[in-house]
């Protein structure tokens, strides 16, 4: 943690010196001495970041911290690597405008009264637990998730069965409707035949009269 603080402080100092170097250049003053200091500071910054990466890898591999905490701290190291590249580009007058880089660096650096992000330890649920306790807690969480998935699977199976039953019922209703349609058609044909017969009988009875 102290190494992370020191590394962030170096990044701040490099950004400030780059700003000062650029101001000298704009005023036509010599900036050779500052360039030497900046190059040395950038090299020191890279060495500190390498040390952080090695320490973090060792802490995760020996289970001094959880994998989740290791991932969070890895993001902080990656942020330092990004700022290092920005500083190198600014030193060479490449890429983003130095003022913009310095602004972004200052917001991510170490400030008085601001809690070190690496000191934001784990949640209350996991704080103080050993590796075995954490593993048991993770196993319990996985079991609860499995139970929830089993319940969800059972609900989906019931819904699928209900859908199949509804489909079967619709098929039966469609068959009944088809039968009714055929019956109505047959009845209509019979009615038309009977109507013709009645008309013929009525015509014959009239002619006979």
C-alpha atoms as a PDB file:
ATOM      1  CA  UNK A   1       0.000   0.000   0.000  1.00  0.00           C
ATOM      2  CA  UNK A   2       2.819   2.394   0.798  1.00  0.00           C
ATOM      3  CA  UNK A   3       4.452   1.487  -2.526  1.00  0.00           C
ATOM      4  CA  UNK A   4       1.213   2.320  -4.337  1.00  0.00           C
ATOM      5  CA  UNK A   5       1.085   5.710  -2.569  1.00  0.00           C
ATOM      6  CA  UNK A   6       4.680   6.410  -3.542  1.00  0.00           C
ATOM      7  CA  UNK A   7       4.052   5.405  -7.153  1.00  0.00           C
ATOM      8  CA  UNK A   8       1.036   7.697  -7.452  1.00  0.00           C
ATOM      9  CA  UNK A   9       3.092  10.517  -5.939  1.00  0.00           C
ATOM     10  CA  UNK A  10       5.815   9.978  -8.545  1.00  0.00           C
ATOM     11  CA  UNK A  11       3.208  10.158 -11.313  1.00  0.00           C
ATOM     12  CA  UNK A  12       1.978  13.468  -9.911  1.00  0.00           C
ATOM     13  CA  UNK A  13       5.462  14.906  -9.721  1.00  0.00           C
ATOM     14  CA  UNK A  14       6.238  13.836 -13.294  1.00  0.00           C
ATOM     15  CA  UNK A  15       3.062  15.521 -14.541  1.00  0.00           C
ATOM     16  CA  UNK A  16       3.934  18.723 -12.699  1.00  0.00           C
ATOM     17  CA  UNK A  17       7.492  18.744 -14.061  1.00  0.00           C
ATOM     18  CA  UNK A  18       6.256  18.159 -17.596  1.00  0.00           C
ATOM     19  CA  UNK A  19       3.991  21.172 -17.146  1.00  0.00           C
ATOM     20  CA  UNK A  20       6.930  23.210 -15.887  1.00  0.00           C
ATOM     21  CA  UNK A  21       9.126  22.016 -18.769  1.00  0.00           C
ATOM     22  CA  UNK A  22       6.469  23.021 -21.293  1.00  0.00           C
ATOM     23  CA  UNK A  23       6.162  26.437 -19.684  1.00  0.00           C
ATOM     24  CA  UNK A  24       9.919  26.928 -19.987  1.00  0.00           C
ATOM     25  CA  UNK A  25       9.788  25.946 -23.650  1.00  0.00           C
ATOM     26  CA  UNK A  26       6.972  28.393 -24.364  1.00  0.00           C
ATOM     27  CA  UNK A  27       8.986  31.162 -22.707  1.00  0.00           C
ATOM     28  CA  UNK A  28      12.125  30.251 -24.631  1.00  0.00           C
ATOM     29  CA  UNK A  29      13.987  29.151 -21.496  1.00  0.00           C
ATOM     30  CA  UNK A  30      16.253  26.130 -21.229  1.00  0.00           C
ATOM     31  CA  UNK A  31      14.526  22.941 -20.088  1.00  0.00           C
ATOM     32  CA  UNK A  32      17.445  20.504 -20.389  1.00  0.00           C
ATOM     33  CA  UNK A  33      17.775  20.001 -16.642  1.00  0.00           C
ATOM     34  CA  UNK A  34      14.066  19.298 -16.259  1.00  0.00           C
ATOM     35  CA  UNK A  35      14.163  16.800 -19.147  1.00  0.00           C
ATOM     36  CA  UNK A  36      16.859  14.824 -17.328  1.00  0.00           C
ATOM     37  CA  UNK A  37      14.816  14.800 -14.127  1.00  0.00           C
ATOM     38  CA  UNK A  38      11.660  13.775 -15.993  1.00  0.00           C
ATOM     39  CA  UNK A  39      13.419  10.906 -17.776  1.00  0.00           C
ATOM     40  CA  UNK A  40      14.791   9.623 -14.475  1.00  0.00           C
ATOM     41  CA  UNK A  41      11.389   9.943 -12.795  1.00  0.00           C
ATOM     42  CA  UNK A  42       9.676   8.086 -15.639  1.00  0.00           C
ATOM     43  CA  UNK A  43      12.176   5.256 -15.296  1.00  0.00           C
ATOM     44  CA  UNK A  44      11.580   5.184 -11.538  1.00  0.00           C
ATOM     45  CA  UNK A  45       7.820   5.151 -12.146  1.00  0.00           C
ATOM     46  CA  UNK A  46       8.135   2.121 -14.415  1.00  0.00           C
ATOM     47  CA  UNK A  47      10.225   0.268 -11.818  1.00  0.00           C
ATOM     48  CA  UNK A  48       7.701   0.996  -9.079  1.00  0.00           C
ATOM     49  CA  UNK A  49       4.840  -0.284 -11.231  1.00  0.00           C
ATOM     50  CA  UNK A  50       6.779  -3.484 -11.958  1.00  0.00           C
ATOM     51  CA  UNK A  51       7.279  -3.981  -8.210  1.00  0.00           C
ATOM     52  CA  UNK A  52       3.565  -3.468  -7.635  1.00  0.00           C
ATOM     53  CA  UNK A  53       2.713  -6.092 -10.247  1.00  0.00           C
ATOM     54  CA  UNK A  54       5.088  -8.614  -8.657  1.00  0.00           C
ATOM     55  CA  UNK A  55       3.785  -7.975  -5.133  1.00  0.00           C
ATOM     56  CA  UNK A  56       0.182  -8.232  -6.265  1.00  0.00           C
ATOM     57  CA  UNK A  57       0.818 -11.508  -8.077  1.00  0.00           C
ATOM     58  CA  UNK A  58       2.482 -12.928  -4.968  1.00  0.00           C
ATOM     59  CA  UNK A  59      -0.368 -11.770  -2.712  1.00  0.00           C
ATOM     60  CA  UNK A  60      -2.989 -13.441  -4.917  1.00  0.00           C
ATOM     61  CA  UNK A  61      -1.039 -16.657  -5.453  1.00  0.00           C
ATOM     62  CA  UNK A  62      -0.407 -17.085  -1.703  1.00  0.00           C
ATOM     63  CA  UNK A  63      -4.059 -16.232  -0.871  1.00  0.00           C
ATOM     64  CA  UNK A  64      -3.114 -13.194   1.216  1.00  0.00           C
ATOM     65  CA  UNK A  65      -6.068 -11.491  -0.453  1.00  0.00           C
ATOM     66  CA  UNK A  66      -9.111 -12.865  -2.258  1.00  0.00           C
ATOM     67  CA  UNK A  67      -9.268 -13.145  -6.020  1.00  0.00           C
ATOM     68  CA  UNK A  68     -11.956 -10.449  -6.093  1.00  0.00           C
ATOM     69  CA  UNK A  69      -9.739  -8.031  -4.162  1.00  0.00           C
ATOM     70  CA  UNK A  70      -6.827  -9.013  -6.402  1.00  0.00           C
ATOM     71  CA  UNK A  71      -8.844  -8.134  -9.491  1.00  0.00           C
ATOM     72  CA  UNK A  72      -9.765  -4.761  -8.006  1.00  0.00           C
ATOM     73  CA  UNK A  73      -6.154  -3.959  -7.208  1.00  0.00           C
ATOM     74  CA  UNK A  74      -5.085  -5.148 -10.657  1.00  0.00           C
ATOM     75  CA  UNK A  75      -7.381  -2.490 -12.108  1.00  0.00           C
ATOM     76  CA  UNK A  76      -5.509   0.114 -10.057  1.00  0.00           C
ATOM     77  CA  UNK A  77      -2.177  -1.134 -11.409  1.00  0.00           C
ATOM     78  CA  UNK A  78      -3.571  -1.044 -14.945  1.00  0.00           C
ATOM     79  CA  UNK A  79      -4.632   2.552 -14.325  1.00  0.00           C
ATOM     80  CA  UNK A  80      -1.082   3.391 -13.291  1.00  0.00           C
ATOM     81  CA  UNK A  81       0.236   1.757 -16.468  1.00  0.00           C
ATOM     82  CA  UNK A  82      -2.140   3.871 -18.541  1.00  0.00           C
ATOM     83  CA  UNK A  83      -1.022   7.042 -16.793  1.00  0.00           C
ATOM     84  CA  UNK A  84       2.604   6.073 -17.308  1.00  0.00           C
ATOM     85  CA  UNK A  85       1.999   5.804 -21.073  1.00  0.00           C
ATOM     86  CA  UNK A  86       0.215   9.157 -21.055  1.00  0.00           C
ATOM     87  CA  UNK A  87       3.126  10.776 -19.258  1.00  0.00           C
ATOM     88  CA  UNK A  88       5.630   9.303 -21.694  1.00  0.00           C
ATOM     89  CA  UNK A  89       3.581  10.598 -24.620  1.00  0.00           C
ATOM     90  CA  UNK A  90       3.312  14.016 -22.982  1.00  0.00           C
ATOM     91  CA  UNK A  91       7.039  14.079 -22.320  1.00  0.00           C
ATOM     92  CA  UNK A  92       7.631  13.449 -26.028  1.00  0.00           C
ATOM     93  CA  UNK A  93       4.924  16.013 -26.920  1.00  0.00           C
ATOM     94  CA  UNK A  94       2.782  13.230 -28.445  1.00  0.00           C
ATOM     95  CA  UNK A  95      -0.849  12.355 -28.133  1.00  0.00           C
ATOM     96  CA  UNK A  96      -3.056  14.126 -25.635  1.00  0.00           C
ATOM     97  CA  UNK A  97      -2.457  17.730 -24.675  1.00  0.00           C
ATOM     98  CA  UNK A  98      -0.276  17.864 -21.500  1.00  0.00           C
ATOM     99  CA  UNK A  99      -2.835  19.984 -19.615  1.00  0.00           C
ATOM    100  CA  UNK A 100      -5.481  17.329 -20.193  1.00  0.00           C
ATOM    101  CA  UNK A 101      -3.120  14.547 -19.114  1.00  0.00           C
ATOM    102  CA  UNK A 102      -2.117  16.389 -15.971  1.00  0.00           C
ATOM    103  CA  UNK A 103      -5.767  16.975 -15.080  1.00  0.00           C
ATOM    104  CA  UNK A 104      -6.581  13.293 -15.437  1.00  0.00           C
ATOM    105  CA  UNK A 105      -3.499  12.325 -13.435  1.00  0.00           C
ATOM    106  CA  UNK A 106      -4.274  14.655 -10.589  1.00  0.00           C
ATOM    107  CA  UNK A 107      -7.758  13.215 -10.194  1.00  0.00           C
ATOM    108  CA  UNK A 108      -6.330   9.723  -9.925  1.00  0.00           C
ATOM    109  CA  UNK A 109      -3.312  10.533  -7.785  1.00  0.00           C
ATOM    110  CA  UNK A 110      -2.822  10.648  -4.047  1.00  0.00           C
ATOM    111  CA  UNK A 111      -4.373  13.659  -2.339  1.00  0.00           C
ATOM    112  CA  UNK A 112      -4.383  14.705   1.247  1.00  0.00           C
ATOM    113  CA  UNK A 113      -7.528  13.713   3.063  1.00  0.00           C
ATOM    114  CA  UNK A 114      -8.499  11.245   0.342  1.00  0.00           C
ATOM    115  CA  UNK A 115      -8.616   7.585   1.281  1.00  0.00           C
ATOM    116  CA  UNK A 116      -6.194   5.371  -0.585  1.00  0.00           C
ATOM    117  CA  UNK A 117      -8.341   3.205  -2.898  1.00  0.00           C
ATOM    118  CA  UNK A 118      -6.251   0.181  -1.928  1.00  0.00           C
ATOM    119  CA  UNK A 119      -7.340   0.692   1.662  1.00  0.00           C
ATOM    120  CA  UNK A 120     -10.961   0.129   0.659  1.00  0.00           C
ATOM    121  CA  UNK A 121     -10.855  -3.404   1.905  1.00  0.00           C
ATOM    122  CA  UNK A 122     -13.365  -6.168   1.448  1.00  0.00           C
ATOM    123  CA  UNK A 123     -16.977  -5.990   2.552  1.00  0.00           C
ATOM    124  CA  UNK A 124     -18.061  -6.612   6.141  1.00  0.00           C
ATOM    125  CA  UNK A 125     -19.260 -10.081   5.142  1.00  0.00           C
ATOM    126  CA  UNK A 126     -15.788 -11.277   4.150  1.00  0.00           C
ATOM    127  CA  UNK A 127     -13.549  -9.098   6.315  1.00  0.00           C
ATOM    128  CA  UNK A 128     -11.616 -11.128   8.863  1.00  0.00           C
ATOM    129  CA  UNK A 129     -12.434 -14.463   7.278  1.00  0.00           C
ATOM    130  CA  UNK A 130      -9.693 -16.960   6.508  1.00  0.00           C
ATOM    131  CA  UNK A 131      -9.211 -18.695   3.192  1.00  0.00           C
ATOM    132  CA  UNK A 132     -11.144 -21.799   4.334  1.00  0.00           C
ATOM    133  CA  UNK A 133     -13.974 -19.638   5.649  1.00  0.00           C
ATOM    134  CA  UNK A 134     -14.118 -17.740   2.363  1.00  0.00           C
ATOM    135  CA  UNK A 135     -14.161 -20.989   0.428  1.00  0.00           C
ATOM    136  CA  UNK A 136     -17.028 -22.312   2.570  1.00  0.00           C
ATOM    137  CA  UNK A 137     -18.900 -19.050   2.095  1.00  0.00           C
ATOM    138  CA  UNK A 138     -18.409 -19.246  -1.660  1.00  0.00           C
ATOM    139  CA  UNK A 139     -19.558 -22.880  -1.644  1.00  0.00           C
ATOM    140  CA  UNK A 140     -22.690 -21.901   0.312  1.00  0.00           C
ATOM    141  CA  UNK A 141     -23.429 -19.077  -2.134  1.00  0.00           C
ATOM    142  CA  UNK A 142     -22.985 -21.465  -5.073  1.00  0.00           C
ATOM    143  CA  UNK A 143     -25.329 -23.988  -3.427  1.00  0.00           C
ATOM    144  CA  UNK A 144     -27.959 -21.274  -2.931  1.00  0.00           C
ATOM    145  CA  UNK A 145     -27.573 -20.240  -6.553  1.00  0.00           C
ATOM    146  CA  UNK A 146     -27.913 -23.877  -7.660  1.00  0.00           C
ATOM    147  CA  UNK A 147     -31.080 -24.222  -5.593  1.00  0.00           C
ATOM    148  CA  UNK A 148     -32.471 -21.081  -7.212  1.00  0.00           C
ATOM    149  CA  UNK A 149     -31.609 -22.414 -10.661  1.00  0.00           C
ATOM    150  CA  UNK A 150     -33.307 -25.735  -9.846  1.00  0.00           C
ATOM    151  CA  UNK A 151     -36.457 -23.884  -8.776  1.00  0.00           C
ATOM    152  CA  UNK A 152     -36.357 -21.795 -11.930  1.00  0.00           C
ATOM    153  CA  UNK A 153     -35.884 -24.935 -14.038  1.00  0.00           C
ATOM    154  CA  UNK A 154     -38.899 -26.555 -12.326  1.00  0.00           C
ATOM    155  CA  UNK A 155     -41.040 -23.487 -13.060  1.00  0.00           C
ATOM    156  CA  UNK A 156     -39.967 -23.481 -16.696  1.00  0.00           C
ATOM    157  CA  UNK A 157     -40.741 -27.209 -16.986  1.00  0.00           C
ATOM    158  CA  UNK A 158     -44.238 -26.665 -15.577  1.00  0.00           C
ATOM    159  CA  UNK A 159     -44.828 -23.790 -17.955  1.00  0.00           C
ATOM    160  CA  UNK A 160     -43.672 -25.960 -20.852  1.00  0.00           C
ATOM    161  CA  UNK A 161     -46.040 -28.730 -19.783  1.00  0.00           C
ATOM    162  CA  UNK A 162     -48.914 -26.230 -19.490  1.00  0.00           C
ATOM    163  CA  UNK A 163     -48.091 -24.930 -22.963  1.00  0.00           C
ATOM    164  CA  UNK A 164     -48.186 -28.438 -24.388  1.00  0.00           C
ATOM    165  CA  UNK A 165     -51.534 -29.129 -22.686  1.00  0.00           C
ATOM    166  CA  UNK A 166     -52.951 -25.860 -24.011  1.00  0.00           C
ATOM    167  CA  UNK A 167     -51.711 -26.813 -27.483  1.00  0.00           C
ATOM    168  CA  UNK A 168     -53.368 -30.207 -27.247  1.00  0.00           C
ATOM    169  CA  UNK A 169     -56.609 -28.596 -26.076  1.00  0.00           C
ATOM    170  CA  UNK A 170     -56.512 -26.193 -29.005  1.00  0.00           C
ATOM    171  CA  UNK A 171     -56.018 -29.094 -31.408  1.00  0.00           C
ATOM    172  CA  UNK A 172     -59.069 -30.853 -29.965  1.00  0.00           C
ATOM    173  CA  UNK A 173     -61.126 -27.648 -30.164  1.00  0.00           C
ATOM    174  CA  UNK A 174     -60.062 -27.197 -33.773  1.00  0.00           C
ATOM    175  CA  UNK A 175     -61.182 -30.754 -34.570  1.00  0.00           C
ATOM    176  CA  UNK A 176     -64.555 -30.090 -32.919  1.00  0.00           C
ATOM    177  CA  UNK A 177     -64.919 -26.867 -34.891  1.00  0.00           C
ATOM    178  CA  UNK A 178     -64.081 -28.722 -38.107  1.00  0.00           C
ATOM    179  CA  UNK A 179     -66.696 -31.385 -37.287  1.00  0.00           C
ATOM    180  CA  UNK A 180     -69.258 -28.674 -36.572  1.00  0.00           C
ATOM    181  CA  UNK A 181     -68.460 -26.970 -39.846  1.00  0.00           C
ATOM    182  CA  UNK A 182     -68.920 -30.243 -41.734  1.00  0.00           C
ATOM    183  CA  UNK A 183     -72.186 -30.903 -39.878  1.00  0.00           C
ATOM    184  CA  UNK A 184     -73.492 -27.430 -40.672  1.00  0.00           C
ATOM    185  CA  UNK A 185     -72.531 -27.876 -44.321  1.00  0.00           C
ATOM    186  CA  UNK A 186     -74.296 -31.237 -44.523  1.00  0.00           C
ATOM    187  CA  UNK A 187     -77.370 -29.825 -42.802  1.00  0.00           C
ATOM    188  CA  UNK A 188     -77.379 -26.886 -45.213  1.00  0.00           C
ATOM    189  CA  UNK A 189     -77.244 -29.289 -48.186  1.00  0.00           C
ATOM    190  CA  UNK A 190     -80.178 -31.281 -46.762  1.00  0.00           C
ATOM    191  CA  UNK A 191     -82.168 -28.111 -46.199  1.00  0.00           C
ATOM    192  CA  UNK A 192     -81.616 -27.024 -49.787  1.00  0.00           C
ATOM    193  CA  UNK A 193     -82.709 -30.472 -51.060  1.00  0.00           C
ATOM    194  CA  UNK A 194     -85.810 -30.451 -48.894  1.00  0.00           C
ATOM    195  CA  UNK A 195     -86.627 -26.935 -50.056  1.00  0.00           C
ATOM    196  CA  UNK A 196     -86.419 -28.059 -53.673  1.00  0.00           C
ATOM    197  CA  UNK A 197     -88.695 -31.035 -52.943  1.00  0.00           C
ATOM    198  CA  UNK A 198     -91.226 -28.811 -51.238  1.00  0.00           C
ATOM    199  CA  UNK A 199     -91.243 -26.425 -54.181  1.00  0.00           C
ATOM    200  CA  UNK A 200     -91.734 -29.335 -56.605  1.00  0.00           C
ATOM    201  CA  UNK A 201     -94.590 -30.759 -54.550  1.00  0.00           C
ATOM    202  CA  UNK A 202     -96.200 -27.350 -54.266  1.00  0.00           C
ATOM    203  CA  UNK A 203     -95.884 -26.795 -58.035  1.00  0.00           C
ATOM    204  CA  UNK A 204     -97.415 -30.188 -58.832  1.00  0.00           C
ATOM    205  CA  UNK A 205    -100.278 -29.716 -56.385  1.00  0.00           C
ATOM    206  CA  UNK A 206    -101.042 -26.331 -57.937  1.00  0.00           C
ATOM    207  CA  UNK A 207    -101.052 -27.715 -61.468  1.00  0.00           C
ATOM    208  CA  UNK A 208    -103.311 -30.575 -60.409  1.00  0.00           C
ATOM    209  CA  UNK A 209    -105.748 -28.203 -58.860  1.00  0.00           C
END
